[in-house]
Amino acid sequence: MMDGLIDRFSDQLEEALEIGRNAKLTTPERIDKVFVTGLGGSGIGGDFVASFVRDTCPVPYIVSKSYQIPAWVGPHTLAIASSYSGNTEETLTALSGLLLSGAKVIIVSSGGKMIDIAKAEGLDYIQLPDDWPSPRACLGYSLVQQLVILSRFGLISNSLLDEIFLAAQLLRKESSDIRERAERIAALLLGKTTVIYTTDRSEPIALRFRQQLNENAKVLCWHHVIPEMNHNELVGWRDRRDDLAVVVFRNRDDFSRNQIRLEINKEIVSHYTGSFIEIYAKGQSLIEQTMYHVHLGDWVSWYLAQLRGVDATEVRIIDFLKSELANR
């Protein structure tokens, strides 16, 4: 099942663009900051959008994954509450705070309590299709709607939405190559703990891959970013560790000083582990390159799940946590 959901990612991106074009939104008088609240597969879309817009959006774009909202959220804040199910406990709690803050609130969800609240409170909302069984497979829906909202309110250029369309075309064109590449990488990760590195600009890619390995392949791993990693974690590479496999997500147009750092890190880390995998993205824009890395990483997590003999869709431990929370 999960492989079918991953396979539909390019279609989802295009469908999300169409949903955004039909969204009915009322424009606020003034926006001086954007606040996004969401968890898991619904929250990481905000991380990607923050990366995409940081050089052009004229106001701060802050992503929160918490029950609470910060004190600075107020009447001139555009607040986006994202939950695919519409029933995420933390996001619902944050939404309660947003309703008291006077912020311009927009709901992005497939249904549940959040859509009910949006209708009852007269809030703008964008309703997503409700037939996707795994929220983590709905990344395209959440991140595209956030871009749509920013574009509609004049905070970013429409060209970013054009880049989403081009990314979908790229993934469709490269589909077979991506799957073959992902299968080879998964074989190299089997039986090892994955260590994920990238540059600070691409941290959402590393975070997404980490989360997909956690949920789909049922393994622990960690990630860090350059240059920050060079000020701490690099010192930890001191002993031979053949139980670790390093995966580095790279773009050929990464910031020049980070490119140099990556090469030096490669020399150092490769001395301590024989598994050092560099993944260069295809695509022209940051969005195209990012979506390529995401799609490839999703496939790696699925192939690793197959090699480990686990069900990529199953998340019983999270279901148990939710039931225990409900009982307490």
C-alpha atoms as a PDB file:
ATOM      1  CA  MET A   1       0.000   0.000   0.000  1.00  0.00           C
ATOM      2  CA  MET A   2       2.694   2.512   0.953  1.00  0.00           C
ATOM      3  CA  ASP A   3       4.496   1.979  -2.345  1.00  0.00           C
ATOM      4  CA  GLY A   4       1.312   2.945  -4.170  1.00  0.00           C
ATOM      5  CA  LEU A   5       1.061   6.152  -2.120  1.00  0.00           C
ATOM      6  CA  ILE A   6       4.699   7.047  -2.780  1.00  0.00           C
ATOM      7  CA  ASP A   7       4.221   6.337  -6.477  1.00  0.00           C
ATOM      8  CA  ARG A   8       1.403   8.903  -6.620  1.00  0.00           C
ATOM      9  CA  PHE A   9       3.489  11.769  -5.219  1.00  0.00           C
ATOM     10  CA  SER A  10       3.876  13.607  -8.547  1.00  0.00           C
ATOM     11  CA  ASP A  11       0.124  13.318  -9.158  1.00  0.00           C
ATOM     12  CA  GLN A  12      -0.505  14.598  -5.643  1.00  0.00           C
ATOM     13  CA  LEU A  13       1.587  17.705  -6.282  1.00  0.00           C
ATOM     14  CA  GLU A  14      -0.438  18.545  -9.387  1.00  0.00           C
ATOM     15  CA  GLU A  15      -3.727  17.795  -7.643  1.00  0.00           C
ATOM     16  CA  ALA A  16      -2.663  20.034  -4.747  1.00  0.00           C
ATOM     17  CA  LEU A  17      -2.068  22.891  -7.189  1.00  0.00           C
ATOM     18  CA  GLU A  18      -5.594  22.462  -8.531  1.00  0.00           C
ATOM     19  CA  ILE A  19      -7.046  22.420  -5.009  1.00  0.00           C
ATOM     20  CA  GLY A  20      -5.153  25.629  -4.274  1.00  0.00           C
ATOM     21  CA  ARG A  21      -6.444  27.335  -7.408  1.00  0.00           C
ATOM     22  CA  ASN A  22     -10.021  26.676  -6.269  1.00  0.00           C
ATOM     23  CA  ALA A  23      -9.490  27.716  -2.642  1.00  0.00           C
ATOM     24  CA  LYS A  24     -11.618  30.603  -1.373  1.00  0.00           C
ATOM     25  CA  LEU A  25      -9.602  32.847   0.911  1.00  0.00           C
ATOM     26  CA  THR A  26     -10.313  36.294   2.335  1.00  0.00           C
ATOM     27  CA  THR A  27      -7.340  38.649   2.292  1.00  0.00           C
ATOM     28  CA  PRO A  28      -6.344  40.204   5.654  1.00  0.00           C
ATOM     29  CA  GLU A  29      -5.595  43.913   5.855  1.00  0.00           C
ATOM     30  CA  ARG A  30      -2.055  43.422   7.122  1.00  0.00           C
ATOM     31  CA  ILE A  31       0.354  40.544   7.712  1.00  0.00           C
ATOM     32  CA  ASP A  32       3.615  41.095   9.573  1.00  0.00           C
ATOM     33  CA  LYS A  33       4.461  37.446  10.297  1.00  0.00           C
ATOM     34  CA  VAL A  34       3.340  33.925   9.446  1.00  0.00           C
ATOM     35  CA  PHE A  35       2.893  31.189  12.040  1.00  0.00           C
ATOM     36  CA  VAL A  36       2.385  27.544  11.037  1.00  0.00           C
ATOM     37  CA  THR A  37       1.380  24.834  13.495  1.00  0.00           C
ATOM     38  CA  GLY A  38       1.366  21.120  12.678  1.00  0.00           C
ATOM     39  CA  LEU A  39       2.934  17.811  13.659  1.00  0.00           C
ATOM     40  CA  GLY A  40       4.471  14.869  11.840  1.00  0.00           C
ATOM     41  CA  GLY A  41       3.579  14.501   8.195  1.00  0.00           C
ATOM     42  CA  SER A  42       1.361  17.576   8.408  1.00  0.00           C
ATOM     43  CA  GLY A  43       3.989  19.700  10.128  1.00  0.00           C
ATOM     44  CA  ILE A  44       7.007  19.040   7.956  1.00  0.00           C
ATOM     45  CA  GLY A  45       5.374  20.782   5.004  1.00  0.00           C
ATOM     46  CA  GLY A  46       5.945  24.005   6.908  1.00  0.00           C
ATOM     47  CA  ASP A  47       9.648  23.221   7.260  1.00  0.00           C
ATOM     48  CA  PHE A  48       9.967  22.857   3.497  1.00  0.00           C
ATOM     49  CA  VAL A  49       8.034  26.041   2.792  1.00  0.00           C
ATOM     50  CA  ALA A  50      10.178  27.987   5.275  1.00  0.00           C
ATOM     51  CA  SER A  51      13.240  26.872   3.319  1.00  0.00           C
ATOM     52  CA  PHE A  52      11.681  27.717  -0.043  1.00  0.00           C
ATOM     53  CA  VAL A  53      10.581  31.255   0.883  1.00  0.00           C
ATOM     54  CA  ARG A  54      13.279  32.491   3.235  1.00  0.00           C
ATOM     55  CA  ASP A  55      15.073  34.536   0.547  1.00  0.00           C
ATOM     56  CA  THR A  56      11.957  36.238  -0.812  1.00  0.00           C
ATOM     57  CA  CYS A  57       9.153  36.336   1.776  1.00  0.00           C
ATOM     58  CA  PRO A  58       9.165  39.831   3.355  1.00  0.00           C
ATOM     59  CA  VAL A  59       7.875  38.625   6.737  1.00  0.00           C
ATOM     60  CA  PRO A  60       9.086  35.916   9.148  1.00  0.00           C
ATOM     61  CA  TYR A  61       7.753  32.411   8.496  1.00  0.00           C
ATOM     62  CA  ILE A  62       7.814  30.408  11.733  1.00  0.00           C
ATOM     63  CA  VAL A  63       6.911  26.732  12.106  1.00  0.00           C
ATOM     64  CA  SER A  64       5.783  25.309  15.453  1.00  0.00           C
ATOM     65  CA  LYS A  65       5.275  21.681  16.512  1.00  0.00           C
ATOM     66  CA  SER A  66       3.831  22.225  19.947  1.00  0.00           C
ATOM     67  CA  TYR A  67       0.654  22.542  21.992  1.00  0.00           C
ATOM     68  CA  GLN A  68       1.409  26.177  22.766  1.00  0.00           C
ATOM     69  CA  ILE A  69       1.586  29.275  20.607  1.00  0.00           C
ATOM     70  CA  PRO A  70       4.112  32.082  21.229  1.00  0.00           C
ATOM     71  CA  ALA A  71       3.075  35.382  22.796  1.00  0.00           C
ATOM     72  CA  TRP A  72       3.881  37.349  19.630  1.00  0.00           C
ATOM     73  CA  VAL A  73       1.026  35.749  17.657  1.00  0.00           C
ATOM     74  CA  GLY A  74      -1.603  38.461  17.302  1.00  0.00           C
ATOM     75  CA  PRO A  75      -3.999  40.359  15.035  1.00  0.00           C
ATOM     76  CA  HIS A  76      -1.433  40.872  12.258  1.00  0.00           C
ATOM     77  CA  THR A  77      -0.297  37.250  12.221  1.00  0.00           C
ATOM     78  CA  LEU A  78      -1.289  34.890   9.440  1.00  0.00           C
ATOM     79  CA  ALA A  79      -1.701  31.543  11.217  1.00  0.00           C
ATOM     80  CA  ILE A  80      -1.929  28.268   9.292  1.00  0.00           C
ATOM     81  CA  ALA A  81      -3.099  25.208  11.228  1.00  0.00           C
ATOM     82  CA  SER A  82      -2.228  22.018   9.337  1.00  0.00           C
ATOM     83  CA  SER A  83      -3.492  18.550  10.250  1.00  0.00           C
ATOM     84  CA  TYR A  84      -4.368  16.001   7.606  1.00  0.00           C
ATOM     85  CA  SER A  85      -6.782  14.121   9.875  1.00  0.00           C
ATOM     86  CA  GLY A  86      -8.099  17.273  11.491  1.00  0.00           C
ATOM     87  CA  ASN A  87      -7.919  15.560  14.880  1.00  0.00           C
ATOM     88  CA  THR A  88      -4.281  16.003  15.931  1.00  0.00           C
ATOM     89  CA  GLU A  89      -4.326  16.728  19.658  1.00  0.00           C
ATOM     90  CA  GLU A  90      -1.434  19.195  19.706  1.00  0.00           C
ATOM     91  CA  THR A  91      -2.684  21.154  16.680  1.00  0.00           C
ATOM     92  CA  LEU A  92      -6.212  21.374  18.065  1.00  0.00           C
ATOM     93  CA  THR A  93      -4.828  22.765  21.311  1.00  0.00           C
ATOM     94  CA  ALA A  94      -2.721  25.301  19.416  1.00  0.00           C
ATOM     95  CA  LEU A  95      -5.770  26.217  17.341  1.00  0.00           C
ATOM     96  CA  SER A  96      -7.660  27.069  20.540  1.00  0.00           C
ATOM     97  CA  GLY A  97      -4.916  29.556  21.370  1.00  0.00           C
ATOM     98  CA  LEU A  98      -4.960  30.971  17.858  1.00  0.00           C
ATOM     99  CA  LEU A  99      -8.689  31.649  18.070  1.00  0.00           C
ATOM    100  CA  LEU A 100      -8.061  33.779  21.163  1.00  0.00           C
ATOM    101  CA  SER A 101      -5.100  35.616  19.651  1.00  0.00           C
ATOM    102  CA  GLY A 102      -6.942  37.553  16.974  1.00  0.00           C
ATOM    103  CA  ALA A 103      -4.735  36.078  14.247  1.00  0.00           C
ATOM    104  CA  LYS A 104      -5.962  35.482  10.706  1.00  0.00           C
ATOM    105  CA  VAL A 105      -6.412  31.689  10.885  1.00  0.00           C
ATOM    106  CA  ILE A 106      -6.545  29.326   7.917  1.00  0.00           C
ATOM    107  CA  ILE A 107      -7.154  25.591   8.344  1.00  0.00           C
ATOM    108  CA  VAL A 108      -5.553  23.005   6.044  1.00  0.00           C
ATOM    109  CA  SER A 109      -7.109  19.592   6.650  1.00  0.00           C
ATOM    110  CA  SER A 110      -9.081  16.726   5.130  1.00  0.00           C
ATOM    111  CA  GLY A 111     -11.828  16.933   7.741  1.00  0.00           C
ATOM    112  CA  GLY A 112     -12.231  16.017  11.395  1.00  0.00           C
ATOM    113  CA  LYS A 113     -12.668  18.468  14.250  1.00  0.00           C
ATOM    114  CA  MET A 114     -10.581  21.177  12.595  1.00  0.00           C
ATOM    115  CA  ILE A 115     -12.886  21.536   9.598  1.00  0.00           C
ATOM    116  CA  ASP A 116     -15.857  21.519  11.986  1.00  0.00           C
ATOM    117  CA  ILE A 117     -14.239  24.345  13.962  1.00  0.00           C
ATOM    118  CA  ALA A 118     -13.450  26.270  10.775  1.00  0.00           C
ATOM    119  CA  LYS A 119     -17.095  26.138   9.715  1.00  0.00           C
ATOM    120  CA  ALA A 120     -18.409  26.989  13.177  1.00  0.00           C
ATOM    121  CA  GLU A 121     -16.025  29.931  13.616  1.00  0.00           C
ATOM    122  CA  GLY A 122     -16.282  31.219  10.049  1.00  0.00           C
ATOM    123  CA  LEU A 123     -12.584  30.589   9.358  1.00  0.00           C
ATOM    124  CA  ASP A 124     -11.029  30.194   5.937  1.00  0.00           C
ATOM    125  CA  TYR A 125     -10.094  26.587   5.229  1.00  0.00           C
ATOM    126  CA  ILE A 126      -8.679  24.436   2.457  1.00  0.00           C
ATOM    127  CA  GLN A 127     -10.110  20.928   2.517  1.00  0.00           C
ATOM    128  CA  LEU A 128      -7.900  18.111   1.266  1.00  0.00           C
ATOM    129  CA  PRO A 129      -8.994  14.723  -0.110  1.00  0.00           C
ATOM    130  CA  ASP A 130      -9.773  12.329   2.748  1.00  0.00           C
ATOM    131  CA  ASP A 131      -8.871   9.041   1.049  1.00  0.00           C
ATOM    132  CA  TRP A 132      -5.135   8.886   1.885  1.00  0.00           C
ATOM    133  CA  PRO A 133      -4.594   6.432   4.779  1.00  0.00           C
ATOM    134  CA  SER A 134      -1.181   7.766   5.902  1.00  0.00           C
ATOM    135  CA  PRO A 135      -0.684  11.479   6.700  1.00  0.00           C
ATOM    136  CA  ARG A 136       3.056  11.138   6.020  1.00  0.00           C
ATOM    137  CA  ALA A 137       2.166  10.340   2.403  1.00  0.00           C
ATOM    138  CA  CYS A 138       0.337  13.674   2.095  1.00  0.00           C
ATOM    139  CA  LEU A 139       3.334  16.005   2.196  1.00  0.00           C
ATOM    140  CA  GLY A 140       2.512  17.440  -1.223  1.00  0.00           C
ATOM    141  CA  TYR A 141      -0.949  18.528  -0.131  1.00  0.00           C
ATOM    142  CA  SER A 142       0.228  20.432   2.949  1.00  0.00           C
ATOM    143  CA  LEU A 143       3.273  22.192   1.534  1.00  0.00           C
ATOM    144  CA  VAL A 144       1.549  23.258  -1.697  1.00  0.00           C
ATOM    145  CA  GLN A 145      -1.413  24.771   0.174  1.00  0.00           C
ATOM    146  CA  GLN A 146       0.970  26.836   2.287  1.00  0.00           C
ATOM    147  CA  LEU A 147       2.640  28.135  -0.869  1.00  0.00           C
ATOM    148  CA  VAL A 148      -0.794  28.852  -2.345  1.00  0.00           C
ATOM    149  CA  ILE A 149      -1.781  30.887   0.712  1.00  0.00           C
ATOM    150  CA  LEU A 150       1.435  32.916   0.630  1.00  0.00           C
ATOM    151  CA  SER A 151       1.073  33.503  -3.092  1.00  0.00           C
ATOM    152  CA  ARG A 152      -2.577  34.540  -2.782  1.00  0.00           C
ATOM    153  CA  PHE A 153      -1.654  37.144  -0.164  1.00  0.00           C
ATOM    154  CA  GLY A 154       1.246  38.542  -2.200  1.00  0.00           C
ATOM    155  CA  LEU A 155       3.991  37.283   0.107  1.00  0.00           C
ATOM    156  CA  ILE A 156       5.744  35.163  -2.556  1.00  0.00           C
ATOM    157  CA  SER A 157       5.861  34.996  -6.323  1.00  0.00           C
ATOM    158  CA  ASN A 158       3.562  32.688  -8.278  1.00  0.00           C
ATOM    159  CA  SER A 159       6.730  31.278  -9.842  1.00  0.00           C
ATOM    160  CA  LEU A 160       7.171  28.975  -6.839  1.00  0.00           C
ATOM    161  CA  LEU A 161       3.911  27.267  -7.745  1.00  0.00           C
ATOM    162  CA  ASP A 162       5.188  26.906 -11.304  1.00  0.00           C
ATOM    163  CA  GLU A 163       8.251  25.189  -9.862  1.00  0.00           C
ATOM    164  CA  ILE A 164       5.999  22.717  -8.043  1.00  0.00           C
ATOM    165  CA  PHE A 165       4.451  21.794 -11.394  1.00  0.00           C
ATOM    166  CA  LEU A 166       7.907  21.387 -12.955  1.00  0.00           C
ATOM    167  CA  ALA A 167       8.958  19.232  -9.992  1.00  0.00           C
ATOM    168  CA  ALA A 168       6.003  16.916 -10.598  1.00  0.00           C
ATOM    169  CA  GLN A 169       7.030  16.579 -14.231  1.00  0.00           C
ATOM    170  CA  LEU A 170      10.632  15.868 -13.235  1.00  0.00           C
ATOM    171  CA  LEU A 171       9.621  13.111 -10.813  1.00  0.00           C
ATOM    172  CA  ARG A 172       7.408  11.507 -13.425  1.00  0.00           C
ATOM    173  CA  LYS A 173      10.232  11.591 -15.984  1.00  0.00           C
ATOM    174  CA  GLU A 174      12.801  10.188 -13.539  1.00  0.00           C
ATOM    175  CA  SER A 175      10.490   7.661 -11.888  1.00  0.00           C
ATOM    176  CA  SER A 176      12.220   4.468 -13.017  1.00  0.00           C
ATOM    177  CA  ASP A 177      15.710   5.803 -12.325  1.00  0.00           C
ATOM    178  CA  ILE A 178      14.673   7.051  -8.876  1.00  0.00           C
ATOM    179  CA  ARG A 179      13.303   3.633  -7.904  1.00  0.00           C
ATOM    180  CA  GLU A 180      16.368   1.786  -9.147  1.00  0.00           C
ATOM    181  CA  ARG A 181      18.646   4.203  -7.315  1.00  0.00           C
ATOM    182  CA  ALA A 182      16.585   3.945  -4.130  1.00  0.00           C
ATOM    183  CA  GLU A 183      16.674   0.141  -4.176  1.00  0.00           C
ATOM    184  CA  ARG A 184      20.480   0.160  -4.398  1.00  0.00           C
ATOM    185  CA  ILE A 185      20.781   2.632  -1.534  1.00  0.00           C
ATOM    186  CA  ALA A 186      18.389   0.649   0.669  1.00  0.00           C
ATOM    187  CA  ALA A 187      20.556  -2.448   0.232  1.00  0.00           C
ATOM    188  CA  LEU A 188      23.555  -0.468   1.488  1.00  0.00           C
ATOM    189  CA  LEU A 189      21.616   0.677   4.583  1.00  0.00           C
ATOM    190  CA  LEU A 190      20.357  -2.768   5.609  1.00  0.00           C
ATOM    191  CA  GLY A 191      21.710  -3.814   8.995  1.00  0.00           C
ATOM    192  CA  LYS A 192      23.268  -0.405   9.700  1.00  0.00           C
ATOM    193  CA  THR A 193      22.271   2.733  11.558  1.00  0.00           C
ATOM    194  CA  THR A 194      21.820   5.585   9.105  1.00  0.00           C
ATOM    195  CA  VAL A 195      23.476   8.944   9.769  1.00  0.00           C
ATOM    196  CA  ILE A 196      22.049  11.703   7.569  1.00  0.00           C
ATOM    197  CA  TYR A 197      23.890  14.899   6.668  1.00  0.00           C
ATOM    198  CA  THR A 198      23.090  17.862   4.461  1.00  0.00           C
ATOM    199  CA  THR A 199      23.471  21.635   4.475  1.00  0.00           C
ATOM    200  CA  ASP A 200      21.385  23.897   6.682  1.00  0.00           C
ATOM    201  CA  ARG A 201      19.271  25.040   3.727  1.00  0.00           C
ATOM    202  CA  SER A 202      18.260  21.434   3.035  1.00  0.00           C
ATOM    203  CA  GLU A 203      17.616  20.303   6.602  1.00  0.00           C
ATOM    204  CA  PRO A 204      13.929  19.522   5.887  1.00  0.00           C
ATOM    205  CA  ILE A 205      15.126  16.840   3.441  1.00  0.00           C
ATOM    206  CA  ALA A 206      17.231  15.183   6.140  1.00  0.00           C
ATOM    207  CA  LEU A 207      14.389  15.467   8.656  1.00  0.00           C
ATOM    208  CA  ARG A 208      11.904  13.976   6.196  1.00  0.00           C
ATOM    209  CA  PHE A 209      14.225  11.069   5.375  1.00  0.00           C
ATOM    210  CA  ARG A 210      14.830  10.426   9.074  1.00  0.00           C
ATOM    211  CA  GLN A 211      11.109  10.355   9.768  1.00  0.00           C
ATOM    212  CA  GLN A 212      10.408   8.079   6.800  1.00  0.00           C
ATOM    213  CA  LEU A 213      13.075   5.626   7.939  1.00  0.00           C
ATOM    214  CA  ASN A 214      11.498   5.711  11.410  1.00  0.00           C
ATOM    215  CA  GLU A 215       7.925   5.137  10.280  1.00  0.00           C
ATOM    216  CA  ASN A 216       8.284   3.079   7.115  1.00  0.00           C
ATOM    217  CA  ALA A 217      11.405   0.984   7.793  1.00  0.00           C
ATOM    218  CA  LYS A 218      10.985   0.941  11.602  1.00  0.00           C
ATOM    219  CA  VAL A 219      14.603   1.884  12.363  1.00  0.00           C
ATOM    220  CA  LEU A 220      16.347   4.523  14.442  1.00  0.00           C
ATOM    221  CA  CYS A 221      18.706   7.015  12.801  1.00  0.00           C
ATOM    222  CA  TRP A 222      19.846  10.591  13.232  1.00  0.00           C
ATOM    223  CA  HIS A 223      20.645  13.682  11.211  1.00  0.00           C
ATOM    224  CA  HIS A 224      22.718  16.824  11.471  1.00  0.00           C
ATOM    225  CA  VAL A 225      23.479  19.792   9.223  1.00  0.00           C
ATOM    226  CA  ILE A 226      26.522  21.604   7.931  1.00  0.00           C
ATOM    227  CA  PRO A 227      27.951  24.000   9.013  1.00  0.00           C
ATOM    228  CA  GLU A 228      26.643  23.487  12.593  1.00  0.00           C
ATOM    229  CA  MET A 229      27.721  19.844  12.608  1.00  0.00           C
ATOM    230  CA  ASN A 230      31.316  20.987  12.090  1.00  0.00           C
ATOM    231  CA  HIS A 231      31.257  22.702  15.476  1.00  0.00           C
ATOM    232  CA  ASN A 232      30.331  19.611  17.515  1.00  0.00           C
ATOM    233  CA  GLU A 233      29.344  16.241  16.006  1.00  0.00           C
ATOM    234  CA  LEU A 234      32.391  16.022  13.747  1.00  0.00           C
ATOM    235  CA  VAL A 235      34.530  15.499  16.843  1.00  0.00           C
ATOM    236  CA  GLY A 236      32.509  12.363  17.611  1.00  0.00           C
ATOM    237  CA  TRP A 237      33.950  10.659  14.538  1.00  0.00           C
ATOM    238  CA  ARG A 238      36.902   9.147  16.373  1.00  0.00           C
ATOM    239  CA  ASP A 239      36.532   5.346  16.178  1.00  0.00           C
ATOM    240  CA  ARG A 240      35.946   2.937  13.338  1.00  0.00           C
ATOM    241  CA  ARG A 241      32.165   2.429  12.971  1.00  0.00           C
ATOM    242  CA  ASP A 242      31.226  -0.038  10.271  1.00  0.00           C
ATOM    243  CA  ASP A 243      27.774  -0.334  11.821  1.00  0.00           C
ATOM    244  CA  LEU A 244      27.003   3.189  10.588  1.00  0.00           C
ATOM    245  CA  ALA A 245      26.024   4.214   7.057  1.00  0.00           C
ATOM    246  CA  VAL A 246      26.303   7.909   6.176  1.00  0.00           C
ATOM    247  CA  VAL A 247      23.902   9.414   3.649  1.00  0.00           C
ATOM    248  CA  VAL A 248      24.612  12.939   2.392  1.00  0.00           C
ATOM    249  CA  PHE A 249      22.008  14.873   0.408  1.00  0.00           C
ATOM    250  CA  ARG A 250      23.725  17.360  -1.906  1.00  0.00           C
ATOM    251  CA  ASN A 251      22.907  19.931  -4.569  1.00  0.00           C
ATOM    252  CA  ARG A 252      25.526  21.059  -7.059  1.00  0.00           C
ATOM    253  CA  ASP A 253      24.596  24.681  -6.351  1.00  0.00           C
ATOM    254  CA  ASP A 254      24.906  24.468  -2.544  1.00  0.00           C
ATOM    255  CA  PHE A 255      26.577  27.506  -0.977  1.00  0.00           C
ATOM    256  CA  SER A 256      30.259  27.445  -1.968  1.00  0.00           C
ATOM    257  CA  ARG A 257      31.722  27.366   1.550  1.00  0.00           C
ATOM    258  CA  ASN A 258      29.394  24.516   2.482  1.00  0.00           C
ATOM    259  CA  GLN A 259      30.524  22.640  -0.626  1.00  0.00           C
ATOM    260  CA  ILE A 260      34.090  22.871   0.648  1.00  0.00           C
ATOM    261  CA  ARG A 261      33.005  21.779   4.108  1.00  0.00           C
ATOM    262  CA  LEU A 262      31.187  18.768   2.642  1.00  0.00           C
ATOM    263  CA  GLU A 263      34.317  17.658   0.811  1.00  0.00           C
ATOM    264  CA  ILE A 264      36.459  17.949   3.944  1.00  0.00           C
ATOM    265  CA  ASN A 265      33.809  16.114   5.969  1.00  0.00           C
ATOM    266  CA  LYS A 266      33.797  13.358   3.380  1.00  0.00           C
ATOM    267  CA  GLU A 267      37.553  12.909   3.801  1.00  0.00           C
ATOM    268  CA  ILE A 268      37.257  12.737   7.588  1.00  0.00           C
ATOM    269  CA  VAL A 269      34.136  10.595   7.970  1.00  0.00           C
ATOM    270  CA  SER A 270      35.073   8.126   5.225  1.00  0.00           C
ATOM    271  CA  HIS A 271      38.135   7.257   7.305  1.00  0.00           C
ATOM    272  CA  TYR A 272      35.857   5.833  10.017  1.00  0.00           C
ATOM    273  CA  THR A 273      33.133   4.094   8.009  1.00  0.00           C
ATOM    274  CA  GLY A 274      33.077   2.275   4.698  1.00  0.00           C
ATOM    275  CA  SER A 275      29.484   3.304   3.968  1.00  0.00           C
ATOM    276  CA  PHE A 276      29.426   6.885   2.720  1.00  0.00           C
ATOM    277  CA  ILE A 277      26.640   7.599   0.214  1.00  0.00           C
ATOM    278  CA  GLU A 278      26.304  10.938  -1.567  1.00  0.00           C
ATOM    279  CA  ILE A 279      22.984  11.692  -3.255  1.00  0.00           C
ATOM    280  CA  TYR A 280      23.029  14.558  -5.739  1.00  0.00           C
ATOM    281  CA  ALA A 281      19.621  15.888  -6.763  1.00  0.00           C
ATOM    282  CA  LYS A 282      18.348  16.438 -10.260  1.00  0.00           C
ATOM    283  CA  GLY A 283      16.379  19.557 -11.175  1.00  0.00           C
ATOM    284  CA  GLN A 284      17.021  23.237 -11.827  1.00  0.00           C
ATOM    285  CA  SER A 285      15.350  25.051  -8.922  1.00  0.00           C
ATOM    286  CA  LEU A 286      15.563  24.488  -5.171  1.00  0.00           C
ATOM    287  CA  ILE A 287      11.997  23.164  -5.195  1.00  0.00           C
ATOM    288  CA  GLU A 288      12.696  20.683  -7.993  1.00  0.00           C
ATOM    289  CA  GLN A 289      15.883  19.467  -6.312  1.00  0.00           C
ATOM    290  CA  THR A 290      14.154  19.185  -2.946  1.00  0.00           C
ATOM    291  CA  MET A 291      11.205  17.218  -4.288  1.00  0.00           C
ATOM    292  CA  TYR A 292      13.642  14.897  -6.070  1.00  0.00           C
ATOM    293  CA  HIS A 293      15.502  14.215  -2.821  1.00  0.00           C
ATOM    294  CA  VAL A 294      12.246  13.724  -0.914  1.00  0.00           C
ATOM    295  CA  HIS A 295      10.830  11.285  -3.439  1.00  0.00           C
ATOM    296  CA  LEU A 296      14.068   9.312  -3.626  1.00  0.00           C
ATOM    297  CA  GLY A 297      14.296   9.166   0.176  1.00  0.00           C
ATOM    298  CA  ASP A 298      10.695   7.987   0.450  1.00  0.00           C
ATOM    299  CA  TRP A 299      11.437   5.127  -1.926  1.00  0.00           C
ATOM    300  CA  VAL A 300      14.604   4.222  -0.007  1.00  0.00           C
ATOM    301  CA  SER A 301      12.557   3.936   3.184  1.00  0.00           C
ATOM    302  CA  TRP A 302      10.039   1.658   1.471  1.00  0.00           C
ATOM    303  CA  TYR A 303      12.678  -0.617  -0.061  1.00  0.00           C
ATOM    304  CA  LEU A 304      14.442  -0.851   3.298  1.00  0.00           C
ATOM    305  CA  ALA A 305      11.124  -1.847   4.876  1.00  0.00           C
ATOM    306  CA  GLN A 306      10.825  -4.667   2.327  1.00  0.00           C
ATOM    307  CA  LEU A 307      14.369  -5.853   3.031  1.00  0.00           C
ATOM    308  CA  ARG A 308      13.633  -5.854   6.768  1.00  0.00           C
ATOM    309  CA  GLY A 309      10.330  -7.665   6.282  1.00  0.00           C
ATOM    310  CA  VAL A 310       8.223  -5.005   7.987  1.00  0.00           C
ATOM    311  CA  ASP A 311       4.942  -3.357   7.005  1.00  0.00           C
ATOM    312  CA  ALA A 312       5.745   0.198   5.908  1.00  0.00           C
ATOM    313  CA  THR A 313       2.180   1.352   6.616  1.00  0.00           C
ATOM    314  CA  GLU A 314       1.815   0.013  10.175  1.00  0.00           C
ATOM    315  CA  VAL A 315       2.306   2.470  13.072  1.00  0.00           C
ATOM    316  CA  ARG A 316       0.843   0.486  15.990  1.00  0.00           C
ATOM    317  CA  ILE A 317       3.103   2.105  18.572  1.00  0.00           C
ATOM    318  CA  ILE A 318       1.763   5.559  17.656  1.00  0.00           C
ATOM    319  CA  ASP A 319      -1.802   4.234  17.830  1.00  0.00           C
ATOM    320  CA  PHE A 320      -1.022   2.856  21.300  1.00  0.00           C
ATOM    321  CA  LEU A 321       0.344   6.231  22.393  1.00  0.00           C
ATOM    322  CA  LYS A 322      -2.785   8.009  21.182  1.00  0.00           C
ATOM    323  CA  SER A 323      -5.061   5.563  22.978  1.00  0.00           C
ATOM    324  CA  GLU A 324      -3.117   5.961  26.221  1.00  0.00           C
ATOM    325  CA  LEU A 325      -3.273   9.741  25.914  1.00  0.00           C
ATOM    326  CA  ALA A 326      -7.027   9.519  25.388  1.00  0.00           C
ATOM    327  CA  ASN A 327      -7.368   7.421  28.547  1.00  0.00           C
ATOM    328  CA  ARG A 328      -5.427   9.919  30.642  1.00  0.00           C
END
